Amino acid sequence: MYDYFKSLYLKMTEAVLKCQDANGSWHASLLAPENYPTAENSSSGFMTYGLAWGVNHGILKGKVYRKAVEKGWKALCSYVREDGKLEYVQPVAGSPGKITKDMTEVYGVGAFLLAATEMLDF
């Protein structure tokens, strides 16, 4: 069973890497990021966490993964305000929508903190 899930994880990480923008973020729509040009930071947090976890556990090997994690973390950190809130977090919705700087949600901060736990060992 482990091999099945590892294989699935590796396939998903390849797809996720293709969706990361030049700044290091992911968007509300992975299939049409041009329709939602701003970063979406709950997804960026979870993607960065998932990639960093894979690197830290020796599953994801190579510079491409390390670079993606570093870019993702740098981008995430740039969206943390002085009051600790994480900007550009899409609220719960049935489909992607416009995201603004003032939008924040606790699950976005949770994703950021998960990524931070992996960055401690990165």
PDB file of N, CA and C in Angstrom:
ATOM      1  N   MET A   1       0.816  -1.191   0.000  1.00  0.00           N
ATOM      2  CA  MET A   1       0.000   0.000   0.000  1.00  0.00           C
ATOM      3  C   MET A   1       0.868   1.267   0.000  1.00  0.00           C
ATOM      4  N   TYR A   2       1.996   1.220   0.727  1.00  0.00           N
ATOM      5  CA  TYR A   2       2.904   2.370   0.784  1.00  0.00           C
ATOM      6  C   TYR A   2       3.363   2.768  -0.616  1.00  0.00           C
ATOM      7  N   ASP A   3       3.761   1.798  -1.413  1.00  0.00           N
ATOM      8  CA  ASP A   3       4.254   2.093  -2.761  1.00  0.00           C
ATOM      9  C   ASP A   3       3.196   2.773  -3.616  1.00  0.00           C
ATOM     10  N   TYR A   4       1.947   2.360  -3.456  1.00  0.00           N
ATOM     11  CA  TYR A   4       0.851   2.975  -4.209  1.00  0.00           C
ATOM     12  C   TYR A   4       0.731   4.460  -3.851  1.00  0.00           C
ATOM     13  N   PHE A   5       0.693   4.762  -2.556  1.00  0.00           N
ATOM     14  CA  PHE A   5       0.525   6.153  -2.132  1.00  0.00           C
ATOM     15  C   PHE A   5       1.763   6.993  -2.438  1.00  0.00           C
ATOM     16  N   LYS A   6       2.930   6.404  -2.352  1.00  0.00           N
ATOM     17  CA  LYS A   6       4.153   7.119  -2.711  1.00  0.00           C
ATOM     18  C   LYS A   6       4.134   7.470  -4.194  1.00  0.00           C
ATOM     19  N   SER A   7       3.732   6.539  -5.027  1.00  0.00           N
ATOM     20  CA  SER A   7       3.638   6.779  -6.465  1.00  0.00           C
ATOM     21  C   SER A   7       2.633   7.892  -6.769  1.00  0.00           C
ATOM     22  N   LEU A   8       1.500   7.849  -6.111  1.00  0.00           N
ATOM     23  CA  LEU A   8       0.477   8.875  -6.283  1.00  0.00           C
ATOM     24  C   LEU A   8       1.004  10.245  -5.848  1.00  0.00           C
ATOM     25  N   TYR A   9       1.675  10.283  -4.719  1.00  0.00           N
ATOM     26  CA  TYR A   9       2.269  11.517  -4.209  1.00  0.00           C
ATOM     27  C   TYR A   9       3.275  12.089  -5.214  1.00  0.00           C
ATOM     28  N   LEU A  10       4.130  11.247  -5.765  1.00  0.00           N
ATOM     29  CA  LEU A  10       5.123  11.705  -6.733  1.00  0.00           C
ATOM     30  C   LEU A  10       4.466  12.265  -7.992  1.00  0.00           C
ATOM     31  N   LYS A  11       3.404  11.630  -8.460  1.00  0.00           N
ATOM     32  CA  LYS A  11       2.674  12.135  -9.632  1.00  0.00           C
ATOM     33  C   LYS A  11       2.039  13.488  -9.332  1.00  0.00           C
ATOM     34  N   MET A  12       1.451  13.602  -8.148  1.00  0.00           N
ATOM     35  CA  MET A  12       0.807  14.868  -7.782  1.00  0.00           C
ATOM     36  C   MET A  12       1.829  15.992  -7.637  1.00  0.00           C
ATOM     37  N   THR A  13       2.993  15.688  -7.086  1.00  0.00           N
ATOM     38  CA  THR A  13       3.993  16.747  -6.928  1.00  0.00           C
ATOM     39  C   THR A  13       4.473  17.256  -8.283  1.00  0.00           C
ATOM     40  N   GLU A  14       4.579  16.386  -9.255  1.00  0.00           N
ATOM     41  CA  GLU A  14       4.963  16.826 -10.603  1.00  0.00           C
ATOM     42  C   GLU A  14       3.929  17.803 -11.158  1.00  0.00           C
ATOM     43  N   ALA A  15       2.665  17.505 -10.957  1.00  0.00           N
ATOM     44  CA  ALA A  15       1.596  18.384 -11.441  1.00  0.00           C
ATOM     45  C   ALA A  15       1.588  19.706 -10.681  1.00  0.00           C
ATOM     46  N   VAL A  16       1.796  19.647  -9.384  1.00  0.00           N
ATOM     47  CA  VAL A  16       1.791  20.843  -8.541  1.00  0.00           C
ATOM     48  C   VAL A  16       2.932  21.783  -8.923  1.00  0.00           C
ATOM     49  N   LEU A  17       4.091  21.236  -9.213  1.00  0.00           N
ATOM     50  CA  LEU A  17       5.234  22.071  -9.600  1.00  0.00           C
ATOM     51  C   LEU A  17       4.918  22.905 -10.836  1.00  0.00           C
ATOM     52  N   LYS A  18       4.186  22.334 -11.768  1.00  0.00           N
ATOM     53  CA  LYS A  18       3.840  23.036 -13.005  1.00  0.00           C
ATOM     54  C   LYS A  18       2.877  24.194 -12.761  1.00  0.00           C
ATOM     55  N   CYS A  19       2.193  24.176 -11.637  1.00  0.00           N
ATOM     56  CA  CYS A  19       1.197  25.204 -11.326  1.00  0.00           C
ATOM     57  C   CYS A  19       1.751  26.348 -10.482  1.00  0.00           C
ATOM     58  N   GLN A  20       2.967  26.217  -9.988  1.00  0.00           N
ATOM     59  CA  GLN A  20       3.561  27.277  -9.174  1.00  0.00           C
ATOM     60  C   GLN A  20       3.936  28.445 -10.073  1.00  0.00           C
ATOM     61  N   ASP A  21       3.587  29.670  -9.654  1.00  0.00           N
ATOM     62  CA  ASP A  21       3.922  30.824 -10.485  1.00  0.00           C
ATOM     63  C   ASP A  21       5.363  31.283 -10.239  1.00  0.00           C
ATOM     64  N   ALA A  22       5.806  32.258 -10.999  1.00  0.00           N
ATOM     65  CA  ALA A  22       7.192  32.727 -10.920  1.00  0.00           C
ATOM     66  C   ALA A  22       7.527  33.306  -9.550  1.00  0.00           C
ATOM     67  N   ASN A  23       6.525  33.828  -8.852  1.00  0.00           N
ATOM     68  CA  ASN A  23       6.718  34.392  -7.516  1.00  0.00           C
ATOM     69  C   ASN A  23       6.834  33.310  -6.448  1.00  0.00           C
ATOM     70  N   GLY A  24       6.348  32.098  -6.749  1.00  0.00           N
ATOM     71  CA  GLY A  24       6.392  31.000  -5.789  1.00  0.00           C
ATOM     72  C   GLY A  24       5.040  30.608  -5.238  1.00  0.00           C
ATOM     73  N   SER A  25       3.984  31.267  -5.691  1.00  0.00           N
ATOM     74  CA  SER A  25       2.633  31.025  -5.179  1.00  0.00           C
ATOM     75  C   SER A  25       1.824  30.118  -6.096  1.00  0.00           C
ATOM     76  N   TRP A  26       0.697  29.673  -5.576  1.00  0.00           N
ATOM     77  CA  TRP A  26      -0.317  28.975  -6.352  1.00  0.00           C
ATOM     78  C   TRP A  26      -1.568  29.838  -6.334  1.00  0.00           C
ATOM     79  N   HIS A  27      -2.488  29.574  -7.255  1.00  0.00           N
ATOM     80  CA  HIS A  27      -3.663  30.427  -7.431  1.00  0.00           C
ATOM     81  C   HIS A  27      -4.952  29.683  -7.106  1.00  0.00           C
ATOM     82  N   ALA A  28      -6.053  30.435  -7.076  1.00  0.00           N
ATOM     83  CA  ALA A  28      -7.354  29.856  -6.732  1.00  0.00           C
ATOM     84  C   ALA A  28      -7.761  28.754  -7.703  1.00  0.00           C
ATOM     85  N   SER A  29      -7.355  28.868  -8.941  1.00  0.00           N
ATOM     86  CA  SER A  29      -7.597  27.817  -9.927  1.00  0.00           C
ATOM     87  C   SER A  29      -6.256  27.315 -10.441  1.00  0.00           C
ATOM     88  N   LEU A  30      -5.990  26.046 -10.208  1.00  0.00           N
ATOM     89  CA  LEU A  30      -4.743  25.471 -10.720  1.00  0.00           C
ATOM     90  C   LEU A  30      -4.810  25.266 -12.226  1.00  0.00           C
ATOM     91  N   LEU A  31      -6.014  25.096 -12.751  1.00  0.00           N
ATOM     92  CA  LEU A  31      -6.186  24.845 -14.180  1.00  0.00           C
ATOM     93  C   LEU A  31      -6.221  26.120 -15.013  1.00  0.00           C
ATOM     94  N   ALA A  32      -6.624  27.227 -14.405  1.00  0.00           N
ATOM     95  CA  ALA A  32      -6.712  28.494 -15.141  1.00  0.00           C
ATOM     96  C   ALA A  32      -6.235  29.651 -14.260  1.00  0.00           C
ATOM     97  N   PRO A  33      -4.969  29.655 -13.881  1.00  0.00           N
ATOM     98  CA  PRO A  33      -4.477  30.706 -12.988  1.00  0.00           C
ATOM     99  C   PRO A  33      -4.581  32.104 -13.594  1.00  0.00           C
ATOM    100  N   GLU A  34      -4.597  32.183 -14.913  1.00  0.00           N
ATOM    101  CA  GLU A  34      -4.726  33.488 -15.558  1.00  0.00           C
ATOM    102  C   GLU A  34      -6.073  34.143 -15.249  1.00  0.00           C
ATOM    103  N   ASN A  35      -7.071  33.352 -14.891  1.00  0.00           N
ATOM    104  CA  ASN A  35      -8.376  33.902 -14.521  1.00  0.00           C
ATOM    105  C   ASN A  35      -8.390  34.448 -13.097  1.00  0.00           C
ATOM    106  N   TYR A  36      -7.418  34.051 -12.288  1.00  0.00           N
ATOM    107  CA  TYR A  36      -7.313  34.474 -10.886  1.00  0.00           C
ATOM    108  C   TYR A  36      -5.849  34.818 -10.635  1.00  0.00           C
ATOM    109  N   PRO A  37      -5.423  36.003 -11.068  1.00  0.00           N
ATOM    110  CA  PRO A  37      -3.991  36.315 -11.096  1.00  0.00           C
ATOM    111  C   PRO A  37      -3.318  36.521  -9.738  1.00  0.00           C
ATOM    112  N   THR A  38      -4.079  36.727  -8.680  1.00  0.00           N
ATOM    113  CA  THR A  38      -3.438  36.915  -7.376  1.00  0.00           C
ATOM    114  C   THR A  38      -3.141  35.571  -6.727  1.00  0.00           C
ATOM    115  N   ALA A  39      -2.191  35.584  -5.830  1.00  0.00           N
ATOM    116  CA  ALA A  39      -1.856  34.374  -5.071  1.00  0.00           C
ATOM    117  C   ALA A  39      -3.054  33.961  -4.222  1.00  0.00           C
ATOM    118  N   GLU A  40      -3.141  32.679  -3.922  1.00  0.00           N
ATOM    119  CA  GLU A  40      -4.138  32.175  -2.967  1.00  0.00           C
ATOM    120  C   GLU A  40      -3.324  31.430  -1.915  1.00  0.00           C
ATOM    121  N   ASN A  41      -3.291  31.978  -0.709  1.00  0.00           N
ATOM    122  CA  ASN A  41      -2.291  31.524   0.246  1.00  0.00           C
ATOM    123  C   ASN A  41      -2.658  30.347   1.128  1.00  0.00           C
ATOM    124  N   SER A  42      -3.895  29.910   1.135  1.00  0.00           N
ATOM    125  CA  SER A  42      -4.138  28.634   1.825  1.00  0.00           C
ATOM    126  C   SER A  42      -3.577  27.506   0.957  1.00  0.00           C
ATOM    127  N   SER A  43      -3.833  27.576  -0.338  1.00  0.00           N
ATOM    128  CA  SER A  43      -3.262  26.542  -1.218  1.00  0.00           C
ATOM    129  C   SER A  43      -1.743  26.646  -1.264  1.00  0.00           C
ATOM    130  N   SER A  44      -1.215  27.853  -1.310  1.00  0.00           N
ATOM    131  CA  SER A  44       0.241  28.019  -1.331  1.00  0.00           C
ATOM    132  C   SER A  44       0.876  27.441  -0.071  1.00  0.00           C
ATOM    133  N   GLY A  45       0.214  27.624   1.063  1.00  0.00           N
ATOM    134  CA  GLY A  45       0.719  27.051   2.313  1.00  0.00           C
ATOM    135  C   GLY A  45       0.703  25.540   2.302  1.00  0.00           C
ATOM    136  N   PHE A  46      -0.408  24.968   1.861  1.00  0.00           N
ATOM    137  CA  PHE A  46      -0.503  23.505   1.816  1.00  0.00           C
ATOM    138  C   PHE A  46       0.459  22.902   0.792  1.00  0.00           C
ATOM    139  N   MET A  47       0.612  23.548  -0.360  1.00  0.00           N
ATOM    140  CA  MET A  47       1.534  23.034  -1.379  1.00  0.00           C
ATOM    141  C   MET A  47       2.973  23.096  -0.872  1.00  0.00           C
ATOM    142  N   THR A  48       3.336  24.220  -0.270  1.00  0.00           N
ATOM    143  CA  THR A  48       4.691  24.365   0.267  1.00  0.00           C
ATOM    144  C   THR A  48       4.942  23.336   1.356  1.00  0.00           C
ATOM    145  N   TYR A  49       3.970  23.151   2.220  1.00  0.00           N
ATOM    146  CA  TYR A  49       4.083  22.137   3.279  1.00  0.00           C
ATOM    147  C   TYR A  49       4.293  20.745   2.683  1.00  0.00           C
ATOM    148  N   GLY A  50       3.457  20.381   1.728  1.00  0.00           N
ATOM    149  CA  GLY A  50       3.535  19.046   1.132  1.00  0.00           C
ATOM    150  C   GLY A  50       4.852  18.786   0.427  1.00  0.00           C
ATOM    151  N   LEU A  51       5.360  19.792  -0.261  1.00  0.00           N
ATOM    152  CA  LEU A  51       6.644  19.641  -0.947  1.00  0.00           C
ATOM    153  C   LEU A  51       7.800  19.589   0.052  1.00  0.00           C
ATOM    154  N   ALA A  52       7.764  20.465   1.049  1.00  0.00           N
ATOM    155  CA  ALA A  52       8.832  20.476   2.058  1.00  0.00           C
ATOM    156  C   ALA A  52       8.854  19.166   2.836  1.00  0.00           C
ATOM    157  N   TRP A  53       7.680  18.644   3.148  1.00  0.00           N
ATOM    158  CA  TRP A  53       7.603  17.353   3.849  1.00  0.00           C
ATOM    159  C   TRP A  53       8.286  16.268   3.015  1.00  0.00           C
ATOM    160  N   GLY A  54       8.012  16.251   1.727  1.00  0.00           N
ATOM    161  CA  GLY A  54       8.611  15.253   0.847  1.00  0.00           C
ATOM    162  C   GLY A  54      10.123  15.359   0.771  1.00  0.00           C
ATOM    163  N   VAL A  55      10.634  16.587   0.716  1.00  0.00           N
ATOM    164  CA  VAL A  55      12.085  16.792   0.709  1.00  0.00           C
ATOM    165  C   VAL A  55      12.673  16.341   2.044  1.00  0.00           C
ATOM    166  N   ASN A  56      12.052  16.777   3.137  1.00  0.00           N
ATOM    167  CA  ASN A  56      12.567  16.454   4.473  1.00  0.00           C
ATOM    168  C   ASN A  56      12.561  14.959   4.770  1.00  0.00           C
ATOM    169  N   HIS A  57      11.668  14.223   4.141  1.00  0.00           N
ATOM    170  CA  HIS A  57      11.579  12.779   4.377  1.00  0.00           C
ATOM    171  C   HIS A  57      12.279  11.954   3.292  1.00  0.00           C
ATOM    172  N   GLY A  58      13.021  12.627   2.418  1.00  0.00           N
ATOM    173  CA  GLY A  58      13.823  11.932   1.419  1.00  0.00           C
ATOM    174  C   GLY A  58      13.050  11.337   0.259  1.00  0.00           C
ATOM    175  N   ILE A  59      11.801  11.720   0.104  1.00  0.00           N
ATOM    176  CA  ILE A  59      10.987  11.199  -0.999  1.00  0.00           C
ATOM    177  C   ILE A  59      11.181  12.046  -2.255  1.00  0.00           C
ATOM    178  N   LEU A  60      11.237  13.351  -2.077  1.00  0.00           N
ATOM    179  CA  LEU A  60      11.461  14.271  -3.197  1.00  0.00           C
ATOM    180  C   LEU A  60      12.932  14.659  -3.205  1.00  0.00           C
ATOM    181  N   LYS A  61      13.612  14.272  -4.262  1.00  0.00           N
ATOM    182  CA  LYS A  61      15.051  14.517  -4.355  1.00  0.00           C
ATOM    183  C   LYS A  61      15.339  15.390  -5.561  1.00  0.00           C
ATOM    184  N   GLY A  62      16.274  16.266  -5.415  1.00  0.00           N
ATOM    185  CA  GLY A  62      16.674  17.114  -6.529  1.00  0.00           C
ATOM    186  C   GLY A  62      16.457  18.586  -6.236  1.00  0.00           C
ATOM    187  N   LYS A  63      17.209  19.394  -6.966  1.00  0.00           N
ATOM    188  CA  LYS A  63      17.175  20.845  -6.770  1.00  0.00           C
ATOM    189  C   LYS A  63      15.821  21.451  -7.111  1.00  0.00           C
ATOM    190  N   VAL A  64      15.119  20.862  -8.054  1.00  0.00           N
ATOM    191  CA  VAL A  64      13.838  21.431  -8.483  1.00  0.00           C
ATOM    192  C   VAL A  64      12.847  21.496  -7.324  1.00  0.00           C
ATOM    193  N   TYR A  65      12.855  20.491  -6.475  1.00  0.00           N
ATOM    194  CA  TYR A  65      11.940  20.480  -5.334  1.00  0.00           C
ATOM    195  C   TYR A  65      12.370  21.478  -4.269  1.00  0.00           C
ATOM    196  N   ARG A  66      13.664  21.513  -3.987  1.00  0.00           N
ATOM    197  CA  ARG A  66      14.180  22.462  -2.995  1.00  0.00           C
ATOM    198  C   ARG A  66      13.885  23.899  -3.439  1.00  0.00           C
ATOM    199  N   LYS A  67      14.095  24.167  -4.718  1.00  0.00           N
ATOM    200  CA  LYS A  67      13.853  25.509  -5.245  1.00  0.00           C
ATOM    201  C   LYS A  67      12.371  25.876  -5.124  1.00  0.00           C
ATOM    202  N   ALA A  68      11.490  24.946  -5.436  1.00  0.00           N
ATOM    203  CA  ALA A  68      10.048  25.207  -5.341  1.00  0.00           C
ATOM    204  C   ALA A  68       9.641  25.496  -3.899  1.00  0.00           C
ATOM    205  N   VAL A  69      10.192  24.742  -2.959  1.00  0.00           N
ATOM    206  CA  VAL A  69       9.883  24.974  -1.542  1.00  0.00           C
ATOM    207  C   VAL A  69      10.397  26.343  -1.109  1.00  0.00           C
ATOM    208  N   GLU A  70      11.620  26.656  -1.459  1.00  0.00           N
ATOM    209  CA  GLU A  70      12.199  27.943  -1.073  1.00  0.00           C
ATOM    210  C   GLU A  70      11.403  29.111  -1.652  1.00  0.00           C
ATOM    211  N   LYS A  71      11.000  28.992  -2.917  1.00  0.00           N
ATOM    212  CA  LYS A  71      10.184  30.039  -3.547  1.00  0.00           C
ATOM    213  C   LYS A  71       8.822  30.146  -2.878  1.00  0.00           C
ATOM    214  N   GLY A  72       8.213  28.999  -2.588  1.00  0.00           N
ATOM    215  CA  GLY A  72       6.907  29.000  -1.941  1.00  0.00           C
ATOM    216  C   GLY A  72       6.959  29.637  -0.568  1.00  0.00           C
ATOM    217  N   TRP A  73       7.978  29.299   0.207  1.00  0.00           N
ATOM    218  CA  TRP A  73       8.108  29.846   1.556  1.00  0.00           C
ATOM    219  C   TRP A  73       8.361  31.353   1.510  1.00  0.00           C
ATOM    220  N   LYS A  74       9.239  31.781   0.613  1.00  0.00           N
ATOM    221  CA  LYS A  74       9.522  33.213   0.480  1.00  0.00           C
ATOM    222  C   LYS A  74       8.253  33.981   0.113  1.00  0.00           C
ATOM    223  N   ALA A  75       7.486  33.435  -0.819  1.00  0.00           N
ATOM    224  CA  ALA A  75       6.235  34.086  -1.218  1.00  0.00           C
ATOM    225  C   ALA A  75       5.260  34.151  -0.050  1.00  0.00           C
ATOM    226  N   LEU A  76       5.079  33.038   0.651  1.00  0.00           N
ATOM    227  CA  LEU A  76       4.168  33.028   1.798  1.00  0.00           C
ATOM    228  C   LEU A  76       4.552  34.084   2.827  1.00  0.00           C
ATOM    229  N   CYS A  77       5.821  34.139   3.161  1.00  0.00           N
ATOM    230  CA  CYS A  77       6.283  35.097   4.176  1.00  0.00           C
ATOM    231  C   CYS A  77       6.027  36.538   3.753  1.00  0.00           C
ATOM    232  N   SER A  78       6.043  36.796   2.459  1.00  0.00           N
ATOM    233  CA  SER A  78       5.809  38.163   1.981  1.00  0.00           C
ATOM    234  C   SER A  78       4.359  38.602   2.158  1.00  0.00           C
ATOM    235  N   TYR A  79       3.467  37.664   2.435  1.00  0.00           N
ATOM    236  CA  TYR A  79       2.049  37.984   2.609  1.00  0.00           C
ATOM    237  C   TYR A  79       1.604  38.000   4.071  1.00  0.00           C
ATOM    238  N   VAL A  80       2.532  37.894   5.000  1.00  0.00           N
ATOM    239  CA  VAL A  80       2.189  37.982   6.424  1.00  0.00           C
ATOM    240  C   VAL A  80       2.299  39.445   6.839  1.00  0.00           C
ATOM    241  N   ARG A  81       1.183  39.981   7.357  1.00  0.00           N
ATOM    242  CA  ARG A  81       1.165  41.377   7.780  1.00  0.00           C
ATOM    243  C   ARG A  81       1.825  41.541   9.147  1.00  0.00           C
ATOM    244  N   GLU A  82       2.080  42.768   9.518  1.00  0.00           N
ATOM    245  CA  GLU A  82       2.685  43.044  10.826  1.00  0.00           C
ATOM    246  C   GLU A  82       1.820  42.557  11.977  1.00  0.00           C
ATOM    247  N   ASP A  83       0.499  42.534  11.782  1.00  0.00           N
ATOM    248  CA  ASP A  83      -0.393  42.057  12.849  1.00  0.00           C
ATOM    249  C   ASP A  83      -0.530  40.535  12.853  1.00  0.00           C
ATOM    250  N   GLY A  84       0.222  39.857  11.976  1.00  0.00           N
ATOM    251  CA  GLY A  84       0.243  38.398  11.950  1.00  0.00           C
ATOM    252  C   GLY A  84      -0.762  37.755  11.019  1.00  0.00           C
ATOM    253  N   LYS A  85      -1.624  38.543  10.402  1.00  0.00           N
ATOM    254  CA  LYS A  85      -2.621  37.968   9.495  1.00  0.00           C
ATOM    255  C   LYS A  85      -1.991  37.636   8.148  1.00  0.00           C
ATOM    256  N   LEU A  86      -2.481  36.561   7.555  1.00  0.00           N
ATOM    257  CA  LEU A  86      -2.026  36.137   6.230  1.00  0.00           C
ATOM    258  C   LEU A  86      -2.996  36.669   5.186  1.00  0.00           C
ATOM    259  N   GLU A  87      -2.478  37.409   4.230  1.00  0.00           N
ATOM    260  CA  GLU A  87      -3.306  38.026   3.194  1.00  0.00           C
ATOM    261  C   GLU A  87      -3.646  37.043   2.079  1.00  0.00           C
ATOM    262  N   TYR A  88      -4.628  37.400   1.284  1.00  0.00           N
ATOM    263  CA  TYR A  88      -5.014  36.678   0.070  1.00  0.00           C
ATOM    264  C   TYR A  88      -5.381  35.212   0.325  1.00  0.00           C
ATOM    265  N   VAL A  89      -6.272  34.993   1.268  1.00  0.00           N
ATOM    266  CA  VAL A  89      -6.783  33.643   1.528  1.00  0.00           C
ATOM    267  C   VAL A  89      -8.241  33.620   1.086  1.00  0.00           C
ATOM    268  N   GLN A  90      -8.535  32.792   0.105  1.00  0.00           N
ATOM    269  CA  GLN A  90      -9.900  32.698  -0.417  1.00  0.00           C
ATOM    270  C   GLN A  90     -10.828  32.108   0.631  1.00  0.00           C
ATOM    271  N   PRO A  91     -12.001  32.720   0.832  1.00  0.00           N
ATOM    272  CA  PRO A  91     -12.968  32.114   1.751  1.00  0.00           C
ATOM    273  C   PRO A  91     -13.526  30.810   1.176  1.00  0.00           C
ATOM    274  N   VAL A  92     -14.137  30.030   2.023  1.00  0.00           N
ATOM    275  CA  VAL A  92     -14.757  28.781   1.580  1.00  0.00           C
ATOM    276  C   VAL A  92     -15.774  29.107   0.493  1.00  0.00           C
ATOM    277  N   ALA A  93     -15.704  28.370  -0.601  1.00  0.00           N
ATOM    278  CA  ALA A  93     -16.601  28.636  -1.727  1.00  0.00           C
ATOM    279  C   ALA A  93     -16.746  27.377  -2.561  1.00  0.00           C
ATOM    280  N   GLY A  94     -17.738  27.387  -3.424  1.00  0.00           N
ATOM    281  CA  GLY A  94     -17.954  26.258  -4.313  1.00  0.00           C
ATOM    282  C   GLY A  94     -17.069  26.292  -5.541  1.00  0.00           C
ATOM    283  N   SER A  95     -16.481  27.461  -5.814  1.00  0.00           N
ATOM    284  CA  SER A  95     -15.619  27.604  -6.981  1.00  0.00           C
ATOM    285  C   SER A  95     -14.637  28.742  -6.720  1.00  0.00           C
ATOM    286  N   PRO A  96     -13.606  28.852  -7.542  1.00  0.00           N
ATOM    287  CA  PRO A  96     -12.642  29.935  -7.354  1.00  0.00           C
ATOM    288  C   PRO A  96     -13.308  31.293  -7.506  1.00  0.00           C
ATOM    289  N   GLY A  97     -12.752  32.273  -6.870  1.00  0.00           N
ATOM    290  CA  GLY A  97     -13.272  33.627  -6.975  1.00  0.00           C
ATOM    291  C   GLY A  97     -12.160  34.637  -6.806  1.00  0.00           C
ATOM    292  N   LYS A  98     -12.514  35.904  -6.976  1.00  0.00           N
ATOM    293  CA  LYS A  98     -11.543  36.979  -6.813  1.00  0.00           C
ATOM    294  C   LYS A  98     -11.085  37.021  -5.353  1.00  0.00           C
ATOM    295  N   ILE A  99      -9.791  37.189  -5.171  1.00  0.00           N
ATOM    296  CA  ILE A  99      -9.209  37.248  -3.835  1.00  0.00           C
ATOM    297  C   ILE A  99      -8.555  38.611  -3.668  1.00  0.00           C
ATOM    298  N   THR A 100      -8.787  39.218  -2.515  1.00  0.00           N
ATOM    299  CA  THR A 100      -8.187  40.519  -2.247  1.00  0.00           C
ATOM    300  C   THR A 100      -7.251  40.441  -1.047  1.00  0.00           C
ATOM    301  N   LYS A 101      -6.437  41.460  -0.933  1.00  0.00           N
ATOM    302  CA  LYS A 101      -5.407  41.517   0.105  1.00  0.00           C
ATOM    303  C   LYS A 101      -5.983  41.387   1.514  1.00  0.00           C
ATOM    304  N   ASP A 102      -7.163  41.927   1.737  1.00  0.00           N
ATOM    305  CA  ASP A 102      -7.751  41.923   3.081  1.00  0.00           C
ATOM    306  C   ASP A 102      -8.403  40.594   3.461  1.00  0.00           C
ATOM    307  N   MET A 103      -8.478  39.653   2.548  1.00  0.00           N
ATOM    308  CA  MET A 103      -9.108  38.357   2.838  1.00  0.00           C
ATOM    309  C   MET A 103      -8.142  37.458   3.606  1.00  0.00           C
ATOM    310  N   THR A 104      -8.613  36.952   4.742  1.00  0.00           N
ATOM    311  CA  THR A 104      -7.823  36.026   5.541  1.00  0.00           C
ATOM    312  C   THR A 104      -8.765  35.034   6.206  1.00  0.00           C
ATOM    313  N   GLU A 105      -8.280  33.863   6.474  1.00  0.00           N
ATOM    314  CA  GLU A 105      -9.063  32.814   7.138  1.00  0.00           C
ATOM    315  C   GLU A 105      -8.117  32.020   8.030  1.00  0.00           C
ATOM    316  N   VAL A 106      -8.674  31.424   9.087  1.00  0.00           N
ATOM    317  CA  VAL A 106      -7.829  30.676  10.025  1.00  0.00           C
ATOM    318  C   VAL A 106      -7.160  29.481   9.355  1.00  0.00           C
ATOM    319  N   TYR A 107      -7.822  28.852   8.394  1.00  0.00           N
ATOM    320  CA  TYR A 107      -7.212  27.690   7.742  1.00  0.00           C
ATOM    321  C   TYR A 107      -6.021  28.101   6.877  1.00  0.00           C
ATOM    322  N   GLY A 108      -6.012  29.332   6.398  1.00  0.00           N
ATOM    323  CA  GLY A 108      -4.849  29.830   5.667  1.00  0.00           C
ATOM    324  C   GLY A 108      -3.651  29.977   6.592  1.00  0.00           C
ATOM    325  N   VAL A 109      -3.903  30.494   7.779  1.00  0.00           N
ATOM    326  CA  VAL A 109      -2.841  30.605   8.780  1.00  0.00           C
ATOM    327  C   VAL A 109      -2.383  29.213   9.203  1.00  0.00           C
ATOM    328  N   GLY A 110      -3.320  28.282   9.319  1.00  0.00           N
ATOM    329  CA  GLY A 110      -2.963  26.901   9.652  1.00  0.00           C
ATOM    330  C   GLY A 110      -2.055  26.290   8.603  1.00  0.00           C
ATOM    331  N   ALA A 111      -2.352  26.538   7.328  1.00  0.00           N
ATOM    332  CA  ALA A 111      -1.502  26.030   6.245  1.00  0.00           C
ATOM    333  C   ALA A 111      -0.111  26.657   6.320  1.00  0.00           C
ATOM    334  N   PHE A 112      -0.069  27.946   6.614  1.00  0.00           N
ATOM    335  CA  PHE A 112       1.212  28.630   6.782  1.00  0.00           C
ATOM    336  C   PHE A 112       2.011  27.997   7.921  1.00  0.00           C
ATOM    337  N   LEU A 113       1.351  27.728   9.040  1.00  0.00           N
ATOM    338  CA  LEU A 113       2.043  27.135  10.190  1.00  0.00           C
ATOM    339  C   LEU A 113       2.520  25.713   9.900  1.00  0.00           C
ATOM    340  N   LEU A 114       1.741  24.948   9.148  1.00  0.00           N
ATOM    341  CA  LEU A 114       2.210  23.616   8.742  1.00  0.00           C
ATOM    342  C   LEU A 114       3.483  23.733   7.906  1.00  0.00           C
ATOM    343  N   ALA A 115       3.475  24.657   6.955  1.00  0.00           N
ATOM    344  CA  ALA A 115       4.675  24.865   6.139  1.00  0.00           C
ATOM    345  C   ALA A 115       5.849  25.283   7.025  1.00  0.00           C
ATOM    346  N   ALA A 116       5.573  26.133   8.007  1.00  0.00           N
ATOM    347  CA  ALA A 116       6.633  26.592   8.914  1.00  0.00           C
ATOM    348  C   ALA A 116       7.250  25.432   9.687  1.00  0.00           C
ATOM    349  N   THR A 117       6.430  24.458  10.087  1.00  0.00           N
ATOM    350  CA  THR A 117       6.980  23.317  10.832  1.00  0.00           C
ATOM    351  C   THR A 117       7.958  22.518   9.986  1.00  0.00           C
ATOM    352  N   GLU A 118       7.690  22.409   8.689  1.00  0.00           N
ATOM    353  CA  GLU A 118       8.623  21.701   7.810  1.00  0.00           C
ATOM    354  C   GLU A 118       9.849  22.553   7.494  1.00  0.00           C
ATOM    355  N   MET A 119       9.672  23.866   7.446  1.00  0.00           N
ATOM    356  CA  MET A 119      10.806  24.743   7.153  1.00  0.00           C
ATOM    357  C   MET A 119      11.825  24.728   8.290  1.00  0.00           C
ATOM    358  N   LEU A 120      11.397  24.394   9.487  1.00  0.00           N
ATOM    359  CA  LEU A 120      12.340  24.285  10.609  1.00  0.00           C
ATOM    360  C   LEU A 120      13.410  23.234  10.344  1.00  0.00           C
ATOM    361  N   ASP A 121      13.065  22.182   9.610  1.00  0.00           N
ATOM    362  CA  ASP A 121      13.992  21.085   9.313  1.00  0.00           C
ATOM    363  C   ASP A 121      14.539  21.133   7.893  1.00  0.00           C
ATOM    364  N   PHE A 122      14.191  22.156   7.147  1.00  0.00           N
ATOM    365  CA  PHE A 122      14.530  22.204   5.728  1.00  0.00           C
ATOM    366  C   PHE A 122      15.988  22.571   5.522  1.00  0.00           C
TER     367      PHE A 122
END
